[in-house]
Amino acid sequence: MEELIEETKRIAQARFQTFGFGEAQIEQLLASGERDLKKELEHLRELLMQEPCDLDAINRSLHALKGLVLNMGNDDAAEKLSELRGSEDPQEKIETLKRLTHIA
């Protein structure tokens, strides 16, 4: 998921520039976004390591991640996170997330 953070930061930087933000403002926004993404990803990793996994908590974490990447302009990642969140097979969702977060 580190790739997710870097991709989201690249998209956000371009997006913030089009909004007319200055370099210092952009750096602050990127740092804040990166910090929030890392925090939520760490929370998701912790949830995935619990036995049994709390699917409601995992879904809330996915929703939070979706909101963060969407706010930074990464619409594709937001859509993928939404699809994962809506997955009907809980075990498949958990296994996919473990692979993505490098737990499995």
Protein backbone atom coordinates (compact mmCIF):
# COMPACT_ATOMS: atom_id res chain seq x y z
CA MET A 1 0.00 0.00 0.00
CA GLU A 2 3.04 2.27 0.02
CA GLU A 3 2.46 2.53 -3.73
CA LEU A 4 -1.02 3.85 -2.95
CA ILE A 5 0.45 6.62 -0.82
CA GLU A 6 3.00 7.67 -3.45
CA GLU A 7 0.47 7.54 -6.29
CA THR A 8 -2.02 9.56 -4.25
CA LYS A 9 0.59 12.18 -3.39
CA ARG A 10 1.53 12.57 -7.09
CA ILE A 11 -2.11 13.02 -8.06
CA ALA A 12 -2.75 15.41 -5.17
CA GLN A 13 0.27 17.56 -5.98
CA ALA A 14 -0.93 18.09 -9.54
CA ARG A 15 -4.47 18.70 -8.32
CA PHE A 16 -3.40 21.24 -5.70
CA GLN A 17 -1.31 23.10 -8.26
CA THR A 18 -4.34 23.46 -10.52
CA PHE A 19 -6.22 24.97 -7.58
CA GLY A 20 -3.53 27.62 -7.35
CA PHE A 21 -2.02 26.63 -4.01
CA GLY A 22 1.52 27.80 -3.36
CA GLU A 23 4.45 25.43 -2.93
CA ALA A 24 4.45 25.73 0.88
CA GLN A 25 0.71 25.06 1.06
CA ILE A 26 1.04 22.04 -1.20
CA GLU A 27 3.85 20.60 0.91
CA GLN A 28 1.74 21.00 4.05
CA LEU A 29 -1.29 19.38 2.43
CA LEU A 30 0.78 16.49 1.09
CA ALA A 31 2.46 15.91 4.45
CA SER A 32 -0.89 15.95 6.23
CA GLY A 33 -2.45 13.60 3.68
CA GLU A 34 0.48 11.21 3.85
CA ARG A 35 0.38 11.18 7.65
CA ASP A 36 -3.35 10.43 7.67
CA LEU A 37 -3.01 7.69 5.05
CA LYS A 38 -0.16 6.02 6.94
CA LYS A 39 -2.09 6.18 10.19
CA GLU A 40 -5.20 4.61 8.67
CA LEU A 41 -3.18 1.96 6.81
CA GLU A 42 -1.46 1.00 10.06
CA HIS A 43 -4.86 0.76 11.72
CA LEU A 44 -6.06 -1.51 8.89
CA ARG A 45 -2.97 -3.72 9.27
CA GLU A 46 -3.68 -4.06 12.99
CA LEU A 47 -7.27 -5.03 12.27
CA LEU A 48 -6.15 -7.64 9.74
CA MET A 49 -3.81 -9.28 12.23
CA GLN A 50 -6.56 -9.87 14.77
CA GLU A 51 -8.19 -13.28 15.00
CA PRO A 52 -11.00 -13.30 14.26
CA CYS A 53 -11.05 -10.24 12.03
CA ASP A 54 -13.69 -7.62 12.79
CA LEU A 55 -15.27 -7.08 9.37
CA ASP A 56 -17.22 -4.02 10.49
CA ALA A 57 -14.03 -2.34 11.71
CA ILE A 58 -12.22 -3.32 8.49
CA ASN A 59 -15.05 -1.84 6.42
CA ARG A 60 -14.90 1.39 8.44
CA SER A 61 -11.16 1.57 7.84
CA LEU A 62 -11.64 1.00 4.11
CA HIS A 63 -14.25 3.74 4.08
CA ALA A 64 -11.84 6.12 5.84
CA LEU A 65 -9.07 5.27 3.37
CA LYS A 66 -11.45 5.81 0.46
CA GLY A 67 -12.33 9.25 1.79
CA LEU A 68 -8.68 10.19 2.25
CA VAL A 69 -7.61 9.20 -1.26
CA LEU A 70 -10.73 10.78 -2.76
CA ASN A 71 -9.99 14.08 -1.00
CA MET A 72 -6.54 13.98 -2.55
CA GLY A 73 -7.94 13.33 -6.03
CA ASN A 74 -7.14 9.63 -6.45
CA ASP A 75 -10.51 8.62 -7.84
CA ASP A 76 -9.30 5.26 -9.20
CA ALA A 77 -7.98 4.13 -5.82
CA ALA A 78 -11.18 5.33 -4.13
CA GLU A 79 -13.21 3.20 -6.52
CA LYS A 80 -11.03 0.13 -5.87
CA LEU A 81 -11.32 0.60 -2.11
CA SER A 82 -15.08 0.93 -2.46
CA GLU A 83 -15.20 -2.31 -4.45
CA LEU A 84 -13.13 -4.08 -1.79
CA ARG A 85 -15.40 -2.75 0.92
CA GLY A 86 -18.46 -4.04 -0.93
CA SER A 87 -17.00 -7.49 -1.55
CA GLU A 88 -19.51 -10.20 -0.69
CA ASP A 89 -16.91 -12.81 0.30
CA PRO A 90 -15.42 -11.81 3.68
CA GLN A 91 -12.56 -14.32 3.54
CA GLU A 92 -11.55 -13.19 0.05
CA LYS A 93 -11.66 -9.56 1.21
CA ILE A 94 -9.41 -10.33 4.17
CA GLU A 95 -6.93 -12.32 2.07
CA THR A 96 -6.80 -9.61 -0.61
CA LEU A 97 -6.22 -6.91 2.01
CA LYS A 98 -3.52 -8.96 3.71
CA ARG A 99 -1.70 -9.28 0.37
CA LEU A 100 -2.08 -5.57 -0.35
CA THR A 101 -0.83 -4.57 3.08
CA HIS A 102 2.01 -7.12 2.95
CA ILE A 103 0.74 -9.15 5.89
CA ALA A 104 0.31 -12.44 4.03
